[in-house]
Structure formats: structure tokens, C-alpha cells
N, C-alpha and C. Protein backbone atom coordinates (compact mmCIF):
# COMPACT_ATOMS: atom_id res chain seq x y z
N MET A 1 -11.18 -142.80 63.15
CA MET A 1 -11.22 -144.24 62.48
C MET A 1 -9.79 -144.26 61.40
N ILE A 2 -9.44 -145.31 61.38
CA ILE A 2 -7.91 -145.51 60.69
C ILE A 2 -8.31 -146.63 59.53
N LEU A 3 -8.02 -146.42 58.43
CA LEU A 3 -8.22 -147.40 57.37
C LEU A 3 -7.04 -147.78 56.68
N PHE A 4 -6.77 -149.12 56.51
CA PHE A 4 -5.66 -149.45 55.81
C PHE A 4 -6.04 -150.02 54.30
N LEU A 5 -5.49 -149.55 53.41
CA LEU A 5 -5.69 -150.14 52.16
C LEU A 5 -4.45 -150.66 51.66
N PHE A 6 -4.61 -151.85 50.86
CA PHE A 6 -3.35 -152.57 50.42
C PHE A 6 -3.19 -152.37 48.93
N ASN A 7 -2.32 -152.37 48.21
CA ASN A 7 -2.12 -152.92 46.84
C ASN A 7 -0.87 -153.62 46.76
N LEU A 8 -0.37 -153.73 45.47
CA LEU A 8 0.71 -154.93 45.44
C LEU A 8 1.88 -154.40 45.87
N PHE A 9 2.08 -153.05 46.00
CA PHE A 9 3.43 -152.37 46.39
C PHE A 9 3.42 -151.59 47.58
N ASN A 10 2.34 -151.08 48.15
CA ASN A 10 2.21 -150.06 49.22
C ASN A 10 1.06 -150.48 50.29
N ILE A 11 1.31 -150.07 51.20
CA ILE A 11 0.21 -149.84 52.22
C ILE A 11 -0.25 -148.75 52.45
N LEU A 12 -1.31 -148.10 52.38
CA LEU A 12 -1.73 -146.95 52.56
C LEU A 12 -2.53 -146.57 53.82
N ILE A 13 -2.30 -145.76 54.68
CA ILE A 13 -2.78 -145.49 55.81
C ILE A 13 -3.53 -144.12 56.01
N ILE A 14 -4.88 -144.23 55.89
CA ILE A 14 -5.56 -142.82 56.01
C ILE A 14 -6.40 -142.84 57.42
N ILE A 15 -6.07 -141.60 58.00
CA ILE A 15 -7.16 -141.35 59.27
C ILE A 15 -8.15 -140.58 58.78
N PHE A 16 -9.55 -140.94 58.84
CA PHE A 16 -10.72 -140.38 58.65
C PHE A 16 -11.14 -139.46 59.77
N SER A 17 -11.62 -138.36 59.41
CA SER A 17 -12.43 -137.44 60.25
C SER A 17 -13.80 -137.83 60.17
N PHE A 18 -14.55 -137.76 61.10
CA PHE A 18 -16.12 -138.03 60.90
C PHE A 18 -16.60 -136.90 61.64
N LEU A 19 -17.58 -136.26 60.94
CA LEU A 19 -18.20 -135.00 61.16
C LEU A 19 -19.62 -135.12 60.40
N ASP A 20 -20.64 -134.76 61.16
CA ASP A 20 -22.13 -134.75 60.43
C ASP A 20 -22.39 -136.05 59.76
N ASP A 21 -21.83 -137.14 60.37
CA ASP A 21 -22.38 -138.39 59.56
C ASP A 21 -21.66 -138.66 58.20
N THR A 22 -20.61 -137.97 57.92
CA THR A 22 -19.81 -138.36 56.65
C THR A 22 -18.41 -138.40 56.94
N VAL A 23 -17.61 -138.70 56.02
CA VAL A 23 -16.06 -138.67 56.10
C VAL A 23 -15.66 -137.48 55.62
N TRP A 24 -14.70 -136.87 56.08
CA TRP A 24 -13.88 -135.55 55.53
C TRP A 24 -12.30 -135.88 55.38
N LEU A 25 -11.79 -135.60 54.10
CA LEU A 25 -10.25 -135.88 53.93
C LEU A 25 -10.05 -134.61 53.47
N THR A 26 -8.57 -134.14 53.62
CA THR A 26 -7.96 -133.23 52.96
C THR A 26 -7.45 -133.59 51.41
N GLN A 27 -7.19 -132.63 50.69
CA GLN A 27 -6.71 -132.68 49.31
C GLN A 27 -5.35 -133.98 49.31
N GLU A 28 -4.59 -133.64 50.37
CA GLU A 28 -3.53 -134.68 50.49
C GLU A 28 -3.74 -135.80 50.74
N GLN A 29 -4.74 -136.09 51.53
CA GLN A 29 -5.32 -137.39 51.79
C GLN A 29 -5.91 -138.23 50.74
N ILE A 30 -6.84 -137.39 49.95
CA ILE A 30 -7.46 -137.87 48.61
C ILE A 30 -6.49 -138.18 47.60
N ALA A 31 -5.35 -137.48 47.67
CA ALA A 31 -4.30 -137.82 46.65
C ALA A 31 -3.51 -138.98 47.01
N LEU A 32 -3.40 -139.07 48.38
CA LEU A 32 -3.00 -140.43 48.63
C LEU A 32 -3.94 -141.74 48.54
N LEU A 33 -4.99 -141.57 48.64
CA LEU A 33 -6.05 -142.39 48.49
C LEU A 33 -6.02 -143.04 46.95
N PHE A 34 -5.99 -141.92 45.99
CA PHE A 34 -6.08 -142.37 44.68
C PHE A 34 -4.71 -142.44 43.99
N ASN A 35 -3.85 -142.30 44.91
CA ASN A 35 -2.14 -142.51 44.27
C ASN A 35 -1.96 -141.68 43.04
N VAL A 36 -2.32 -140.37 43.23
CA VAL A 36 -1.96 -139.29 42.45
C VAL A 36 -1.63 -138.04 43.10
N ASP A 37 -0.93 -137.13 42.25
CA ASP A 37 -0.49 -135.79 42.74
C ASP A 37 -1.69 -134.94 43.45
N ARG A 38 -1.43 -134.28 44.27
CA ARG A 38 -2.40 -133.30 44.73
C ARG A 38 -2.80 -132.47 43.72
N THR A 39 -2.00 -131.94 42.89
CA THR A 39 -2.54 -130.93 42.04
C THR A 39 -3.64 -131.45 40.92
N ARG A 40 -3.41 -132.80 40.58
CA ARG A 40 -4.48 -133.36 39.88
C ARG A 40 -5.94 -133.51 40.90
N ILE A 41 -5.90 -133.87 41.91
CA ILE A 41 -7.06 -133.76 42.80
C ILE A 41 -7.61 -132.26 42.69
N VAL A 42 -6.73 -131.36 42.78
CA VAL A 42 -7.31 -129.68 43.01
C VAL A 42 -7.98 -129.69 41.53
N ARG A 43 -7.39 -129.78 40.60
CA ARG A 43 -7.91 -129.64 39.18
C ARG A 43 -9.30 -130.36 38.85
N HIS A 44 -9.45 -131.52 39.46
CA HIS A 44 -10.62 -132.31 39.24
C HIS A 44 -11.69 -131.57 40.08
N ILE A 45 -11.22 -131.21 41.27
CA ILE A 45 -12.32 -130.80 42.23
C ILE A 45 -12.86 -129.21 41.60
N ASN A 46 -11.81 -128.72 40.98
CA ASN A 46 -12.34 -127.29 40.40
C ASN A 46 -13.27 -127.67 39.25
N ASN A 47 -13.12 -128.67 38.50
CA ASN A 47 -13.88 -129.08 37.15
C ASN A 47 -15.24 -129.45 38.06
N ILE A 48 -15.30 -130.24 39.15
CA ILE A 48 -16.57 -130.66 39.56
C ILE A 48 -17.31 -129.69 40.07
N TYR A 49 -16.68 -128.60 40.65
CA TYR A 49 -17.40 -127.17 41.02
C TYR A 49 -17.83 -126.42 40.06
N SER A 50 -17.02 -126.24 38.66
CA SER A 50 -17.24 -125.39 37.63
C SER A 50 -18.51 -126.04 36.79
N ASP A 51 -18.54 -127.46 36.93
CA ASP A 51 -19.50 -128.20 36.05
C ASP A 51 -20.84 -128.20 36.94
N ASN A 52 -20.80 -127.54 38.03
CA ASN A 52 -22.01 -127.65 38.97
C ASN A 52 -22.37 -129.23 39.25
N GLU A 53 -21.51 -129.96 39.22
CA GLU A 53 -21.72 -131.38 39.76
C GLU A 53 -22.05 -131.55 41.27
N LEU A 54 -21.31 -130.68 42.00
CA LEU A 54 -21.55 -130.68 43.40
C LEU A 54 -21.50 -128.99 43.96
N ASP A 55 -22.09 -128.95 45.03
CA ASP A 55 -22.01 -127.37 45.53
C ASP A 55 -20.79 -127.54 46.55
N MET A 56 -20.09 -126.17 46.49
CA MET A 56 -18.92 -126.30 47.44
C MET A 56 -19.44 -125.91 48.80
N LEU A 57 -20.69 -125.41 49.18
CA LEU A 57 -20.77 -125.26 50.49
C LEU A 57 -21.55 -126.46 51.10
N SER A 58 -21.88 -127.41 50.37
CA SER A 58 -22.11 -128.58 51.03
C SER A 58 -21.18 -129.63 51.24
N THR A 59 -19.83 -129.38 50.51
CA THR A 59 -18.92 -130.67 50.31
C THR A 59 -17.56 -130.09 50.65
N CYS A 60 -17.36 -128.73 51.06
CA CYS A 60 -16.16 -128.66 51.47
C CYS A 60 -16.26 -127.62 52.74
N VAL A 61 -15.25 -127.72 53.73
CA VAL A 61 -15.35 -126.81 54.80
C VAL A 61 -13.71 -126.47 55.01
N GLU A 62 -13.39 -125.40 55.71
CA GLU A 62 -12.14 -125.05 55.93
C GLU A 62 -11.67 -125.42 57.57
N ASN A 63 -10.71 -125.98 57.83
CA ASN A 63 -10.17 -126.32 59.03
C ASN A 63 -9.01 -125.30 59.42
N ALA A 64 -8.67 -124.84 60.60
CA ALA A 64 -7.43 -124.32 60.95
C ALA A 64 -6.48 -125.44 61.36
N GLN A 65 -5.34 -125.44 60.78
CA GLN A 65 -4.18 -126.16 61.29
C GLN A 65 -2.92 -125.20 61.47
N VAL A 66 -2.62 -125.56 62.85
CA VAL A 66 -1.71 -124.77 63.37
C VAL A 66 -0.37 -125.64 63.31
N GLN A 67 0.64 -125.31 62.94
CA GLN A 67 2.00 -125.77 63.13
C GLN A 67 3.12 -125.27 63.25
N PHE A 68 4.25 -125.74 63.74
CA PHE A 68 5.54 -124.86 63.98
C PHE A 68 6.39 -124.93 62.89
N GLU A 69 7.05 -123.78 62.25
CA GLU A 69 7.78 -123.96 61.26
C GLU A 69 9.07 -123.11 62.21
N GLY A 70 10.32 -123.91 62.46
CA GLY A 70 11.28 -123.27 63.41
C GLY A 70 10.62 -122.87 64.47
N ALA A 71 10.96 -121.64 64.97
CA ALA A 71 10.46 -121.03 66.27
C ALA A 71 9.06 -120.38 66.12
N ARG A 72 8.69 -120.27 64.90
CA ARG A 72 7.39 -119.72 64.87
C ARG A 72 6.19 -120.63 64.68
N GLN A 73 5.04 -119.92 65.23
CA GLN A 73 3.86 -120.73 64.97
C GLN A 73 2.95 -120.38 63.93
N VAL A 74 2.56 -121.14 62.90
CA VAL A 74 1.84 -120.78 61.67
C VAL A 74 0.35 -121.28 61.71
N LYS A 75 -0.53 -120.50 61.22
CA LYS A 75 -1.85 -121.04 61.23
C LYS A 75 -2.33 -120.97 59.78
N ARG A 76 -2.74 -122.09 59.43
CA ARG A 76 -3.20 -122.02 57.86
C ARG A 76 -4.63 -122.64 58.03
N LYS A 77 -5.42 -122.18 56.84
CA LYS A 77 -6.68 -122.78 56.79
C LYS A 77 -6.47 -124.06 55.68
N ILE A 78 -6.99 -125.21 55.97
CA ILE A 78 -7.22 -126.28 55.02
C ILE A 78 -8.36 -126.69 54.67
N LYS A 79 -8.51 -126.85 53.39
CA LYS A 79 -10.02 -127.25 53.11
C LYS A 79 -9.87 -128.77 53.02
N ILE A 80 -11.05 -129.44 53.50
CA ILE A 80 -11.55 -130.79 53.82
C ILE A 80 -12.72 -130.98 52.96
N TYR A 81 -12.94 -132.20 52.32
CA TYR A 81 -13.86 -132.66 51.37
C TYR A 81 -14.68 -133.79 52.00
N ASN A 82 -16.24 -133.82 51.91
CA ASN A 82 -16.80 -135.02 52.17
C ASN A 82 -16.81 -136.08 51.26
N LEU A 83 -17.70 -136.87 51.81
CA LEU A 83 -17.76 -138.37 51.09
C LEU A 83 -18.29 -138.01 49.68
N ASP A 84 -19.20 -137.16 49.40
CA ASP A 84 -19.82 -136.76 48.19
C ASP A 84 -18.77 -136.47 47.16
N MET A 85 -17.80 -135.72 47.58
CA MET A 85 -16.57 -135.17 46.91
C MET A 85 -15.79 -136.59 46.40
N ILE A 86 -15.36 -137.23 47.48
CA ILE A 86 -14.81 -138.30 47.54
C ILE A 86 -15.18 -139.29 46.51
N THR A 87 -16.53 -139.44 46.55
CA THR A 87 -17.20 -140.34 45.40
C THR A 87 -17.07 -139.64 43.97
N SER A 88 -17.30 -138.67 43.74
CA SER A 88 -17.29 -137.97 42.70
C SER A 88 -15.85 -137.98 42.22
N LEU A 89 -14.71 -137.84 42.81
CA LEU A 89 -13.44 -138.02 42.54
C LEU A 89 -13.10 -139.44 42.05
N SER A 90 -13.60 -140.37 42.77
CA SER A 90 -13.31 -141.76 42.51
C SER A 90 -13.81 -142.28 41.12
N VAL A 91 -14.80 -141.59 40.32
CA VAL A 91 -15.24 -141.79 39.05
C VAL A 91 -14.00 -141.49 37.99
N SER A 92 -13.34 -140.36 38.49
CA SER A 92 -12.03 -139.94 37.68
C SER A 92 -11.03 -140.97 37.74
N PHE A 93 -10.85 -141.58 39.09
CA PHE A 93 -9.63 -142.48 39.08
C PHE A 93 -9.72 -143.82 39.29
N ILE A 94 -10.92 -144.18 39.11
CA ILE A 94 -11.26 -145.72 39.31
C ILE A 94 -10.58 -146.68 38.55
N PHE A 95 -10.04 -146.22 37.25
CA PHE A 95 -9.43 -147.30 36.44
C PHE A 95 -7.84 -147.16 36.67
N LYS A 96 -7.38 -145.91 37.24
CA LYS A 96 -6.01 -145.90 37.74
C LYS A 96 -5.77 -146.72 39.04
N VAL A 97 -6.80 -146.75 39.77
CA VAL A 97 -6.57 -147.39 41.13
C VAL A 97 -7.98 -148.26 41.52
N PRO A 98 -7.69 -149.29 40.88
CA PRO A 98 -8.94 -150.34 41.03
C PRO A 98 -9.21 -150.99 42.46
N PHE A 99 -7.97 -150.87 43.28
CA PHE A 99 -8.24 -151.39 44.69
C PHE A 99 -8.97 -150.35 45.56
N ILE A 100 -9.48 -149.30 45.00
CA ILE A 100 -10.45 -148.28 45.63
C ILE A 100 -11.78 -148.81 45.82
N VAL A 101 -12.16 -149.61 44.87
CA VAL A 101 -13.57 -150.04 44.76
C VAL A 101 -14.12 -150.70 46.13
N PRO A 102 -13.45 -151.54 46.59
CA PRO A 102 -13.76 -152.32 47.91
C PRO A 102 -14.06 -151.19 49.06
N PHE A 103 -13.23 -149.90 48.96
CA PHE A 103 -13.31 -149.15 49.99
C PHE A 103 -14.50 -148.03 49.72
N ILE A 104 -14.71 -147.77 48.48
CA ILE A 104 -15.60 -146.79 48.29
C ILE A 104 -17.27 -147.18 48.53
N VAL A 105 -17.34 -148.52 47.77
CA VAL A 105 -18.75 -148.89 48.01
C VAL A 105 -19.22 -149.04 49.33
N PRO A 106 -18.51 -149.91 50.29
CA PRO A 106 -19.01 -150.10 51.66
C PRO A 106 -19.28 -148.62 52.39
N LEU A 107 -18.09 -147.94 52.01
CA LEU A 107 -18.39 -146.32 52.74
C LEU A 107 -19.55 -145.70 52.38
N VAL A 108 -19.71 -145.64 51.11
CA VAL A 108 -20.93 -144.88 50.60
C VAL A 108 -22.22 -145.66 51.23
N THR A 109 -22.42 -146.73 51.18
CA THR A 109 -23.32 -147.57 51.91
C THR A 109 -23.74 -147.51 53.18
N PHE A 110 -22.47 -147.30 53.98
CA PHE A 110 -22.46 -146.97 55.24
C PHE A 110 -23.16 -145.74 55.81
N PHE A 111 -22.81 -144.57 54.82
CA PHE A 111 -23.16 -143.27 55.29
C PHE A 111 -24.46 -142.89 54.59
N ARG A 112 -25.03 -143.62 53.83
CA ARG A 112 -26.24 -143.40 52.97
C ARG A 112 -27.41 -144.11 53.80
């Protein structure tokens, strides 16, 4: 599924992964969604886990990503997060990115 989000200055295109009836996004995709730096996303995710707001085992999985860097093939593990994490993060960024509300509410409704 491809989602297009619009605000006054940008068109944001995010490709969603669907697995186990939920949406999964990488840290980079979440940062794009909320229009913030990836390090802010990582910090908020760590706070959510340290506060026991969400359980890491049920909201995060690792995917292997293979890419070529020059002539060598590099395999990295990339963490992806489900809709529960995306929803929790949206509370932190909702005032910074108000155009996200029309996206989050239908998505949560659809998967619940």
C-alpha cells in the first residue's frame, strides 16, 4: 500500500508493509511521517519502552536488509515498528504535525 500525505510545502510518500493485520514502518519512515529527525524517533521509542507503555516483543521486529556498497554486499538488521508504536508516537508529535490526524485515526480504526 502506498500512502500520500500532503501539507502546505511537501508531498510525503510512504510505502507501508502489512503483516499480521497491522502496519509496519522503519524508524526512517516514522521520522518522515512526523517530519522530525530519526534520532528524535529513537529517543521517543526508547522512552516508550522504558516507561513500559508498550512491550518491545509485540511492537518491534527486525528485518534483514541487503544492499550493495560499492562492490560488496552488506546485510543489516533494520527494526520496524507496528501501528501501536506509531500511534503512541503520534501523541508526541501531533501538535507539530497536525496533518497526521486524518491519517492516524482511519488507520487505527481500520486495523482495530
